[in-house]
Amino acid sequence: QVQFVESGGGLVQPGGWLRLSCAASGFAFNNKVMSWYRQAPGKERELVAQISTLGGTTNYADSVKGRFFISRDNAKNTVTLQMNSLKTEDTAVYYCNWAGGGRYWGQGTQVTVSS
């Protein structure tokens, strides 16, 4: 079965950092473009970062460009999101999934940026 298990979230102060991890299973991971999404209270889920199948191409939302960095390890079926210089606006539940989302979603991991 397709599963995405996100971890690494927590409470940090503005300017701090977190590294999120996603363990994927149940599909051919190395054939999928992978993405990180987030959803803040009262807002729609949005794409924040994306990485090609071999990791050679990445894309970021303007709001996180230069601060967040996505990577993947196809040998371990994992995707990571390094989040630096965190802002209160980054507070959200973060999810990983295939590019474009889909019918399978994990529970996400909560990131709270607050002083």
C-alpha atoms as a PDB file:
ATOM      1  CA  GLN A   1       0.000   0.000   0.000  1.00  0.00           C
ATOM      2  CA  VAL A   2       1.111   3.540  -0.729  1.00  0.00           C
ATOM      3  CA  GLN A   3       2.224   5.334   2.406  1.00  0.00           C
ATOM      4  CA  PHE A   4       3.872   8.607   3.269  1.00  0.00           C
ATOM      5  CA  VAL A   5       5.120   9.042   6.816  1.00  0.00           C
ATOM      6  CA  GLU A   6       6.293  12.533   7.672  1.00  0.00           C
ATOM      7  CA  SER A   7       8.361  13.399  10.715  1.00  0.00           C
ATOM      8  CA  GLY A   8      10.632  16.042  12.145  1.00  0.00           C
ATOM      9  CA  GLY A   9       8.190  18.824  12.867  1.00  0.00           C
ATOM     10  CA  GLY A  10       8.079  20.754  16.082  1.00  0.00           C
ATOM     11  CA  LEU A  11       8.041  24.139  17.738  1.00  0.00           C
ATOM     12  CA  VAL A  12      10.810  26.565  16.840  1.00  0.00           C
ATOM     13  CA  GLN A  13      11.430  30.264  17.217  1.00  0.00           C
ATOM     14  CA  PRO A  14      11.540  32.610  14.241  1.00  0.00           C
ATOM     15  CA  GLY A  15      14.926  32.333  12.590  1.00  0.00           C
ATOM     16  CA  GLY A  16      15.322  28.744  13.664  1.00  0.00           C
ATOM     17  CA  TRP A  17      15.499  25.630  11.567  1.00  0.00           C
ATOM     18  CA  LEU A  18      14.002  22.185  11.194  1.00  0.00           C
ATOM     19  CA  ARG A  19      14.652  19.199   8.991  1.00  0.00           C
ATOM     20  CA  LEU A  20      11.608  17.238   7.915  1.00  0.00           C
ATOM     21  CA  SER A  21      11.759  13.674   6.703  1.00  0.00           C
ATOM     22  CA  CYS A  22       9.363  11.585   4.672  1.00  0.00           C
ATOM     23  CA  ALA A  23       9.495   7.818   4.456  1.00  0.00           C
ATOM     24  CA  ALA A  24       7.650   6.540   1.410  1.00  0.00           C
ATOM     25  CA  SER A  25       6.599   3.016   0.586  1.00  0.00           C
ATOM     26  CA  GLY A  26       4.263   0.989  -1.573  1.00  0.00           C
ATOM     27  CA  PHE A  27       5.306   2.299  -4.968  1.00  0.00           C
ATOM     28  CA  ALA A  28       8.286   2.759  -7.266  1.00  0.00           C
ATOM     29  CA  PHE A  29       9.774   5.700  -5.448  1.00  0.00           C
ATOM     30  CA  ASN A  30      12.536   6.344  -7.953  1.00  0.00           C
ATOM     31  CA  ASN A  31       9.984   6.795 -10.741  1.00  0.00           C
ATOM     32  CA  LYS A  32       8.122   9.590  -8.998  1.00  0.00           C
ATOM     33  CA  VAL A  33       8.703  13.295  -8.828  1.00  0.00           C
ATOM     34  CA  MET A  34       8.275  14.098  -5.151  1.00  0.00           C
ATOM     35  CA  SER A  35       6.995  17.201  -3.443  1.00  0.00           C
ATOM     36  CA  TRP A  36       6.485  18.795  -0.076  1.00  0.00           C
ATOM     37  CA  TYR A  37       3.198  20.546   0.611  1.00  0.00           C
ATOM     38  CA  ARG A  38       1.917  22.499   3.548  1.00  0.00           C
ATOM     39  CA  GLN A  39      -1.434  23.576   4.851  1.00  0.00           C
ATOM     40  CA  ALA A  40      -1.890  26.374   7.333  1.00  0.00           C
ATOM     41  CA  PRO A  41      -5.070  26.856   9.359  1.00  0.00           C
ATOM     42  CA  GLY A  42      -7.832  28.256   7.190  1.00  0.00           C
ATOM     43  CA  LYS A  43      -5.781  28.020   4.024  1.00  0.00           C
ATOM     44  CA  GLU A  44      -5.529  25.681   1.087  1.00  0.00           C
ATOM     45  CA  ARG A  45      -2.790  23.137   0.803  1.00  0.00           C
ATOM     46  CA  GLU A  46       0.079  24.597  -1.187  1.00  0.00           C
ATOM     47  CA  LEU A  47       3.137  23.232  -2.924  1.00  0.00           C
ATOM     48  CA  VAL A  48       6.370  24.385  -1.314  1.00  0.00           C
ATOM     49  CA  ALA A  49       9.073  22.279  -2.944  1.00  0.00           C
ATOM     50  CA  GLN A  50       9.511  19.665  -5.641  1.00  0.00           C
ATOM     51  CA  ILE A  51      12.327  17.399  -6.750  1.00  0.00           C
ATOM     52  CA  SER A  52      12.815  15.330  -9.883  1.00  0.00           C
ATOM     53  CA  THR A  53      13.198  11.571  -9.857  1.00  0.00           C
ATOM     54  CA  LEU A  54      16.984  11.612  -9.667  1.00  0.00           C
ATOM     55  CA  GLY A  55      17.204  14.790  -7.650  1.00  0.00           C
ATOM     56  CA  GLY A  56      18.732  16.880 -10.404  1.00  0.00           C
ATOM     57  CA  THR A  57      15.974  19.454 -10.650  1.00  0.00           C
ATOM     58  CA  THR A  58      14.257  21.280  -7.819  1.00  0.00           C
ATOM     59  CA  ASN A  59      11.517  23.870  -7.643  1.00  0.00           C
ATOM     60  CA  TYR A  60      10.363  26.040  -4.773  1.00  0.00           C
ATOM     61  CA  ALA A  61       7.542  28.348  -3.953  1.00  0.00           C
ATOM     62  CA  ASP A  62       8.638  31.970  -3.963  1.00  0.00           C
ATOM     63  CA  SER A  63       7.847  32.243  -0.280  1.00  0.00           C
ATOM     64  CA  VAL A  64      10.463  29.647   0.671  1.00  0.00           C
ATOM     65  CA  LYS A  65      13.061  30.046  -2.052  1.00  0.00           C
ATOM     66  CA  GLY A  66      16.518  30.440  -0.605  1.00  0.00           C
ATOM     67  CA  ARG A  67      15.431  29.164   2.796  1.00  0.00           C
ATOM     68  CA  PHE A  68      14.098  25.666   2.154  1.00  0.00           C
ATOM     69  CA  PHE A  69      15.956  22.874   0.400  1.00  0.00           C
ATOM     70  CA  ILE A  70      14.492  19.596  -0.783  1.00  0.00           C
ATOM     71  CA  SER A  71      16.509  16.439  -1.308  1.00  0.00           C
ATOM     72  CA  ARG A  72      15.909  12.736  -1.784  1.00  0.00           C
ATOM     73  CA  ASP A  73      17.623   9.425  -1.260  1.00  0.00           C
ATOM     74  CA  ASN A  74      16.268   6.861  -3.665  1.00  0.00           C
ATOM     75  CA  ALA A  75      18.157   4.059  -1.944  1.00  0.00           C
ATOM     76  CA  LYS A  76      16.196   4.726   1.242  1.00  0.00           C
ATOM     77  CA  ASN A  77      12.920   5.931  -0.289  1.00  0.00           C
ATOM     78  CA  THR A  78      13.104   9.166   1.631  1.00  0.00           C
ATOM     79  CA  VAL A  79      12.574  12.838   0.929  1.00  0.00           C
ATOM     80  CA  THR A  80      13.807  15.579   3.203  1.00  0.00           C
ATOM     81  CA  LEU A  81      13.066  19.251   3.577  1.00  0.00           C
ATOM     82  CA  GLN A  82      15.682  21.412   5.223  1.00  0.00           C
ATOM     83  CA  MET A  83      13.925  24.495   6.533  1.00  0.00           C
ATOM     84  CA  ASN A  84      16.118  27.431   7.484  1.00  0.00           C
ATOM     85  CA  SER A  85      15.404  30.945   8.694  1.00  0.00           C
ATOM     86  CA  LEU A  86      11.902  29.965   9.648  1.00  0.00           C
ATOM     87  CA  LYS A  87       9.169  32.566   9.793  1.00  0.00           C
ATOM     88  CA  THR A  88       5.860  32.567  11.579  1.00  0.00           C
ATOM     89  CA  GLU A  89       4.229  32.345   8.167  1.00  0.00           C
ATOM     90  CA  ASP A  90       5.779  28.902   7.751  1.00  0.00           C
ATOM     91  CA  THR A  91       3.542  27.507  10.464  1.00  0.00           C
ATOM     92  CA  ALA A  92       1.571  24.675   8.897  1.00  0.00           C
ATOM     93  CA  VAL A  93       1.189  20.948   8.646  1.00  0.00           C
ATOM     94  CA  TYR A  94       3.722  19.667   6.155  1.00  0.00           C
ATOM     95  CA  TYR A  95       3.075  16.719   3.871  1.00  0.00           C
ATOM     96  CA  CYS A  96       5.047  14.852   1.261  1.00  0.00           C
ATOM     97  CA  ASN A  97       3.476  13.312  -1.791  1.00  0.00           C
ATOM     98  CA  TRP A  98       3.814  12.792  -5.496  1.00  0.00           C
ATOM     99  CA  ALA A  99       4.027  15.881  -7.639  1.00  0.00           C
ATOM    100  CA  GLY A 100       0.518  17.146  -8.110  1.00  0.00           C
ATOM    101  CA  GLY A 101      -0.728  15.435  -4.998  1.00  0.00           C
ATOM    102  CA  GLY A 102      -3.094  12.549  -5.344  1.00  0.00           C
ATOM    103  CA  ARG A 103      -5.396  10.206  -3.543  1.00  0.00           C
ATOM    104  CA  TYR A 104      -2.901   9.158  -0.880  1.00  0.00           C
ATOM    105  CA  TRP A 105      -1.878  11.465   1.940  1.00  0.00           C
ATOM    106  CA  GLY A 106      -0.043  10.891   5.170  1.00  0.00           C
ATOM    107  CA  GLN A 107      -0.888  12.537   8.462  1.00  0.00           C
ATOM    108  CA  GLY A 108       1.720  15.221   7.980  1.00  0.00           C
ATOM    109  CA  THR A 109       3.997  16.761  10.556  1.00  0.00           C
ATOM    110  CA  GLN A 110       3.214  19.966  12.414  1.00  0.00           C
ATOM    111  CA  VAL A 111       5.621  22.869  12.161  1.00  0.00           C
ATOM    112  CA  THR A 112       4.979  25.756  14.500  1.00  0.00           C
ATOM    113  CA  VAL A 113       7.128  28.870  14.332  1.00  0.00           C
ATOM    114  CA  SER A 114       6.481  31.114  17.285  1.00  0.00           C
ATOM    115  CA  SER A 115       8.317  33.173  19.849  1.00  0.00           C
END
